[in-house]
Amino acid sequence: QLQASGGGLVQPGGSLRLSCAASGFRLADYAIGWFRQAPGKERDWVAGVFGFSTRIADSVTGRATVSRDVNKNTLNLDISRMTPEDTAVYYCNSGNTWGQGTLVTVSS
């Protein structure tokens, strides 16, 4: 299972950390990533960890970092300089396993 947390209301220009806790398997053994789905739009890939490599989507490049905490078995996503376009439900994913999503709203 994957459990996402950390969503909430953020002011434009602010930062946020999202966390995804895994249970039942080790994150270090699988590729894992973050997706997001804005209202009325398709779900898009945001960032991921593949082995020892991390990748960031163009939509958040330069503003986001993704990291894996092996000891806590969690995946973190840090996004800064947020804009209303970052408003979405954020999901973590590994293979066929999806977390329940956490809502991020960027608004003043």
N, C-alpha and C. Protein backbone atom coordinates (compact mmCIF):
# COMPACT_ATOMS: atom_id res chain seq x y z
N GLN A 1 0.83 -1.20 0.00
CA GLN A 1 0.00 0.00 0.00
C GLN A 1 0.86 1.26 0.00
N LEU A 2 0.27 2.32 -0.54
CA LEU A 2 0.93 3.61 -0.55
C LEU A 2 -0.01 4.63 0.10
N GLN A 3 0.54 5.45 0.97
CA GLN A 3 -0.26 6.45 1.67
C GLN A 3 0.38 7.82 1.48
N ALA A 4 -0.31 8.67 0.74
CA ALA A 4 0.20 10.02 0.49
C ALA A 4 -0.30 10.99 1.54
N SER A 5 0.53 11.96 1.86
CA SER A 5 0.15 12.98 2.83
C SER A 5 0.89 14.27 2.54
N GLY A 6 0.46 15.33 3.21
CA GLY A 6 1.15 16.61 3.09
C GLY A 6 0.43 17.66 2.28
N GLY A 7 -0.68 17.32 1.68
CA GLY A 7 -1.42 18.29 0.89
C GLY A 7 -2.06 19.35 1.76
N GLY A 8 -2.55 20.39 1.11
CA GLY A 8 -3.21 21.47 1.82
C GLY A 8 -3.26 22.72 0.98
N LEU A 9 -3.54 23.83 1.64
CA LEU A 9 -3.62 25.12 0.98
C LEU A 9 -2.28 25.83 1.05
N VAL A 10 -1.81 26.27 -0.09
CA VAL A 10 -0.53 26.96 -0.19
C VAL A 10 -0.73 28.28 -0.92
N GLN A 11 -0.10 29.32 -0.44
CA GLN A 11 -0.18 30.59 -1.14
C GLN A 11 0.74 30.58 -2.35
N PRO A 12 0.39 31.30 -3.39
CA PRO A 12 1.28 31.41 -4.54
C PRO A 12 2.68 31.83 -4.12
N GLY A 13 3.67 31.17 -4.67
CA GLY A 13 5.05 31.43 -4.30
C GLY A 13 5.55 30.60 -3.15
N GLY A 14 4.65 29.87 -2.50
CA GLY A 14 5.01 29.06 -1.36
C GLY A 14 5.56 27.70 -1.74
N SER A 15 5.88 26.91 -0.72
CA SER A 15 6.47 25.60 -0.92
C SER A 15 5.68 24.54 -0.15
N LEU A 16 5.89 23.30 -0.56
CA LEU A 16 5.17 22.21 0.07
C LEU A 16 5.99 20.94 -0.05
N ARG A 17 5.89 20.10 0.98
CA ARG A 17 6.47 18.76 0.90
C ARG A 17 5.35 17.73 0.97
N LEU A 18 5.33 16.86 0.00
CA LEU A 18 4.43 15.72 0.01
C LEU A 18 5.23 14.47 0.34
N SER A 19 4.60 13.57 1.08
CA SER A 19 5.25 12.32 1.44
C SER A 19 4.37 11.14 1.06
N CYS A 20 5.01 10.06 0.70
CA CYS A 20 4.31 8.83 0.34
C CYS A 20 4.94 7.71 1.13
N ALA A 21 4.17 7.14 2.04
CA ALA A 21 4.67 6.04 2.86
C ALA A 21 4.24 4.71 2.27
N ALA A 22 5.18 3.81 2.14
CA ALA A 22 4.90 2.49 1.59
C ALA A 22 4.82 1.47 2.71
N SER A 23 3.94 0.53 2.54
CA SER A 23 3.85 -0.59 3.47
C SER A 23 3.67 -1.87 2.68
N GLY A 24 4.31 -2.91 3.15
CA GLY A 24 4.19 -4.20 2.47
C GLY A 24 5.26 -4.47 1.43
N PHE A 25 6.05 -3.44 1.12
CA PHE A 25 7.16 -3.65 0.20
C PHE A 25 8.18 -2.54 0.43
N ARG A 26 9.37 -2.76 -0.07
CA ARG A 26 10.44 -1.77 0.10
C ARG A 26 10.50 -0.86 -1.12
N LEU A 27 10.39 0.45 -0.87
CA LEU A 27 10.46 1.40 -1.97
C LEU A 27 11.76 1.27 -2.74
N ALA A 28 12.82 0.92 -2.04
CA ALA A 28 14.13 0.87 -2.68
C ALA A 28 14.21 -0.21 -3.76
N ASP A 29 13.27 -1.15 -3.75
CA ASP A 29 13.33 -2.25 -4.70
C ASP A 29 12.55 -1.98 -5.99
N TYR A 30 11.84 -0.84 -6.05
CA TYR A 30 10.95 -0.58 -7.18
C TYR A 30 11.07 0.87 -7.65
N ALA A 31 10.72 1.07 -8.92
CA ALA A 31 10.54 2.43 -9.40
C ALA A 31 9.28 3.00 -8.76
N ILE A 32 9.34 4.27 -8.42
CA ILE A 32 8.19 4.90 -7.76
C ILE A 32 8.14 6.36 -8.15
N GLY A 33 6.95 6.88 -8.24
CA GLY A 33 6.85 8.26 -8.68
C GLY A 33 5.60 8.97 -8.20
N TRP A 34 5.53 10.24 -8.56
CA TRP A 34 4.40 11.09 -8.27
C TRP A 34 3.69 11.49 -9.55
N PHE A 35 2.38 11.49 -9.48
CA PHE A 35 1.53 11.99 -10.55
C PHE A 35 0.61 13.05 -9.95
N ARG A 36 0.00 13.84 -10.81
CA ARG A 36 -1.01 14.77 -10.31
C ARG A 36 -2.13 14.92 -11.34
N GLN A 37 -3.29 15.22 -10.82
CA GLN A 37 -4.46 15.40 -11.69
C GLN A 37 -5.17 16.67 -11.29
N ALA A 38 -5.10 17.65 -12.18
CA ALA A 38 -5.80 18.91 -11.95
C ALA A 38 -7.27 18.75 -12.32
N PRO A 39 -8.12 19.61 -11.78
CA PRO A 39 -9.55 19.51 -12.08
C PRO A 39 -9.81 19.54 -13.58
N GLY A 40 -10.54 18.57 -14.07
CA GLY A 40 -10.90 18.52 -15.47
C GLY A 40 -9.80 18.11 -16.42
N LYS A 41 -8.67 17.67 -15.87
CA LYS A 41 -7.55 17.30 -16.73
C LYS A 41 -7.13 15.85 -16.48
N GLU A 42 -6.28 15.35 -17.35
CA GLU A 42 -5.78 14.00 -17.20
C GLU A 42 -4.69 13.96 -16.12
N ARG A 43 -4.44 12.76 -15.65
CA ARG A 43 -3.38 12.57 -14.66
C ARG A 43 -2.03 12.62 -15.36
N ASP A 44 -1.13 13.43 -14.85
CA ASP A 44 0.19 13.61 -15.45
C ASP A 44 1.28 13.18 -14.49
N TRP A 45 2.35 12.66 -15.07
CA TRP A 45 3.51 12.29 -14.28
C TRP A 45 4.26 13.55 -13.86
N VAL A 46 4.76 13.56 -12.61
CA VAL A 46 5.46 14.73 -12.08
C VAL A 46 6.93 14.46 -11.81
N ALA A 47 7.20 13.35 -11.16
CA ALA A 47 8.59 13.06 -10.78
C ALA A 47 8.69 11.59 -10.38
N GLY A 48 9.90 11.06 -10.42
CA GLY A 48 10.05 9.67 -10.03
C GLY A 48 11.46 9.29 -9.70
N VAL A 49 11.60 8.18 -9.03
CA VAL A 49 12.89 7.61 -8.70
C VAL A 49 12.98 6.25 -9.37
N PHE A 50 14.06 6.06 -10.13
CA PHE A 50 14.27 4.83 -10.87
C PHE A 50 15.66 4.31 -10.51
N GLY A 51 15.71 3.32 -9.65
CA GLY A 51 17.01 2.87 -9.18
C GLY A 51 17.69 3.97 -8.40
N PHE A 52 18.84 4.40 -8.90
CA PHE A 52 19.56 5.49 -8.25
C PHE A 52 19.35 6.82 -8.97
N SER A 53 18.47 6.85 -9.93
CA SER A 53 18.21 8.07 -10.71
C SER A 53 16.89 8.70 -10.33
N THR A 54 16.86 10.02 -10.38
CA THR A 54 15.62 10.76 -10.21
C THR A 54 15.32 11.54 -11.47
N ARG A 55 14.06 11.70 -11.77
CA ARG A 55 13.64 12.45 -12.95
C ARG A 55 12.49 13.37 -12.57
N ILE A 56 12.48 14.53 -13.20
CA ILE A 56 11.48 15.55 -12.92
C ILE A 56 10.82 15.97 -14.22
N ALA A 57 9.52 16.11 -14.21
CA ALA A 57 8.79 16.55 -15.40
C ALA A 57 9.11 18.01 -15.72
N ASP A 58 8.99 18.36 -16.98
CA ASP A 58 9.26 19.73 -17.41
C ASP A 58 8.36 20.73 -16.68
N SER A 59 7.16 20.30 -16.33
CA SER A 59 6.21 21.21 -15.72
C SER A 59 6.67 21.74 -14.36
N VAL A 60 7.56 21.01 -13.70
CA VAL A 60 8.02 21.43 -12.37
C VAL A 60 9.54 21.47 -12.28
N THR A 61 10.23 21.27 -13.38
CA THR A 61 11.68 21.25 -13.33
C THR A 61 12.22 22.58 -12.82
N GLY A 62 13.23 22.52 -11.99
CA GLY A 62 13.78 23.73 -11.39
C GLY A 62 13.05 24.15 -10.13
N ARG A 63 11.88 23.57 -9.88
CA ARG A 63 11.09 23.91 -8.69
C ARG A 63 10.83 22.71 -7.79
N ALA A 64 11.13 21.53 -8.29
CA ALA A 64 10.76 20.33 -7.54
C ALA A 64 11.95 19.40 -7.38
N THR A 65 11.97 18.72 -6.26
CA THR A 65 12.93 17.65 -6.04
C THR A 65 12.18 16.44 -5.50
N VAL A 66 12.66 15.27 -5.87
CA VAL A 66 12.07 14.04 -5.37
C VAL A 66 13.16 13.25 -4.68
N SER A 67 12.81 12.66 -3.56
CA SER A 67 13.82 11.93 -2.80
C SER A 67 13.17 10.74 -2.11
N ARG A 68 14.00 9.75 -1.91
CA ARG A 68 13.52 8.52 -1.27
C ARG A 68 14.24 8.35 0.05
N ASP A 69 13.49 8.16 1.12
CA ASP A 69 14.05 7.90 2.44
C ASP A 69 13.94 6.41 2.69
N VAL A 70 15.05 5.72 2.53
CA VAL A 70 15.04 4.26 2.63
C VAL A 70 14.71 3.81 4.04
N ASN A 71 15.21 4.53 5.03
CA ASN A 71 14.97 4.14 6.42
C ASN A 71 13.50 4.25 6.80
N LYS A 72 12.83 5.30 6.29
CA LYS A 72 11.42 5.50 6.60
C LYS A 72 10.51 4.85 5.55
N ASN A 73 11.12 4.34 4.49
CA ASN A 73 10.36 3.72 3.40
C ASN A 73 9.33 4.70 2.83
N THR A 74 9.78 5.91 2.60
CA THR A 74 8.91 6.94 2.07
C THR A 74 9.53 7.63 0.86
N LEU A 75 8.67 8.22 0.06
CA LEU A 75 9.09 9.01 -1.09
C LEU A 75 8.58 10.43 -0.87
N ASN A 76 9.46 11.39 -0.99
CA ASN A 76 9.09 12.77 -0.76
C ASN A 76 9.14 13.57 -2.05
N LEU A 77 8.24 14.54 -2.14
CA LEU A 77 8.24 15.47 -3.27
C LEU A 77 8.18 16.88 -2.69
N ASP A 78 9.19 17.66 -2.97
CA ASP A 78 9.25 19.05 -2.54
C ASP A 78 9.05 19.96 -3.75
N ILE A 79 8.10 20.85 -3.65
CA ILE A 79 7.83 21.80 -4.73
C ILE A 79 7.89 23.21 -4.16
N SER A 80 8.59 24.08 -4.83
CA SER A 80 8.69 25.48 -4.40
C SER A 80 8.14 26.39 -5.48
N ARG A 81 8.04 27.68 -5.14
CA ARG A 81 7.54 28.70 -6.07
C ARG A 81 6.26 28.22 -6.75
N MET A 82 5.36 27.79 -5.92
CA MET A 82 4.13 27.19 -6.44
C MET A 82 3.20 28.24 -7.03
N THR A 83 2.46 27.81 -8.04
CA THR A 83 1.48 28.66 -8.72
C THR A 83 0.12 27.96 -8.72
N PRO A 84 -0.93 28.68 -9.04
CA PRO A 84 -2.25 28.03 -9.09
C PRO A 84 -2.29 26.85 -10.06
N GLU A 85 -1.39 26.83 -11.04
CA GLU A 85 -1.33 25.70 -11.97
C GLU A 85 -0.84 24.42 -11.31
N ASP A 86 -0.31 24.52 -10.12
CA ASP A 86 0.11 23.33 -9.38
C ASP A 86 -1.05 22.72 -8.59
N THR A 87 -2.18 23.38 -8.59
CA THR A 87 -3.35 22.85 -7.89
C THR A 87 -3.78 21.54 -8.52
N ALA A 88 -3.86 20.50 -7.71
CA ALA A 88 -4.19 19.17 -8.22
C ALA A 88 -4.26 18.19 -7.05
N VAL A 89 -4.79 17.03 -7.35
CA VAL A 89 -4.64 15.90 -6.43
C VAL A 89 -3.36 15.18 -6.82
N TYR A 90 -2.50 15.00 -5.86
CA TYR A 90 -1.21 14.36 -6.10
C TYR A 90 -1.27 12.91 -5.63
N TYR A 91 -0.80 12.02 -6.50
CA TYR A 91 -0.81 10.59 -6.23
C TYR A 91 0.61 10.03 -6.30
N CYS A 92 0.90 9.09 -5.44
CA CYS A 92 2.14 8.34 -5.60
C CYS A 92 1.80 6.98 -6.21
N ASN A 93 2.76 6.46 -6.93
CA ASN A 93 2.52 5.24 -7.71
C ASN A 93 3.76 4.39 -7.78
N SER A 94 3.56 3.10 -7.69
CA SER A 94 4.63 2.14 -7.96
C SER A 94 4.00 0.94 -8.64
N GLY A 95 4.32 0.74 -9.91
CA GLY A 95 3.73 -0.34 -10.68
C GLY A 95 2.22 -0.19 -10.75
N ASN A 96 1.50 -1.19 -10.29
CA ASN A 96 0.04 -1.14 -10.30
C ASN A 96 -0.55 -0.60 -9.01
N THR A 97 0.29 -0.16 -8.11
CA THR A 97 -0.17 0.33 -6.81
C THR A 97 -0.22 1.85 -6.80
N TRP A 98 -1.40 2.36 -6.44
CA TRP A 98 -1.61 3.81 -6.35
C TRP A 98 -1.97 4.18 -4.92
N GLY A 99 -1.45 5.31 -4.46
CA GLY A 99 -1.90 5.87 -3.20
C GLY A 99 -3.26 6.53 -3.38
N GLN A 100 -3.84 6.99 -2.30
CA GLN A 100 -5.20 7.52 -2.36
C GLN A 100 -5.25 8.97 -2.84
N GLY A 101 -4.14 9.63 -2.92
CA GLY A 101 -4.12 11.01 -3.39
C GLY A 101 -4.22 12.01 -2.24
N THR A 102 -3.54 13.13 -2.43
CA THR A 102 -3.62 14.21 -1.46
C THR A 102 -3.81 15.52 -2.23
N LEU A 103 -4.76 16.32 -1.79
CA LEU A 103 -5.15 17.53 -2.52
C LEU A 103 -4.24 18.69 -2.16
N VAL A 104 -3.73 19.33 -3.19
CA VAL A 104 -2.93 20.54 -3.04
C VAL A 104 -3.66 21.68 -3.74
N THR A 105 -3.92 22.74 -3.02
CA THR A 105 -4.58 23.91 -3.58
C THR A 105 -3.67 25.11 -3.41
N VAL A 106 -3.34 25.75 -4.51
CA VAL A 106 -2.49 26.94 -4.48
C VAL A 106 -3.38 28.14 -4.76
N SER A 107 -3.57 28.94 -3.74
CA SER A 107 -4.49 30.07 -3.86
C SER A 107 -4.20 31.09 -2.77
N SER A 108 -4.47 32.34 -3.08
CA SER A 108 -4.33 33.38 -2.07
C SER A 108 -5.66 33.62 -1.37
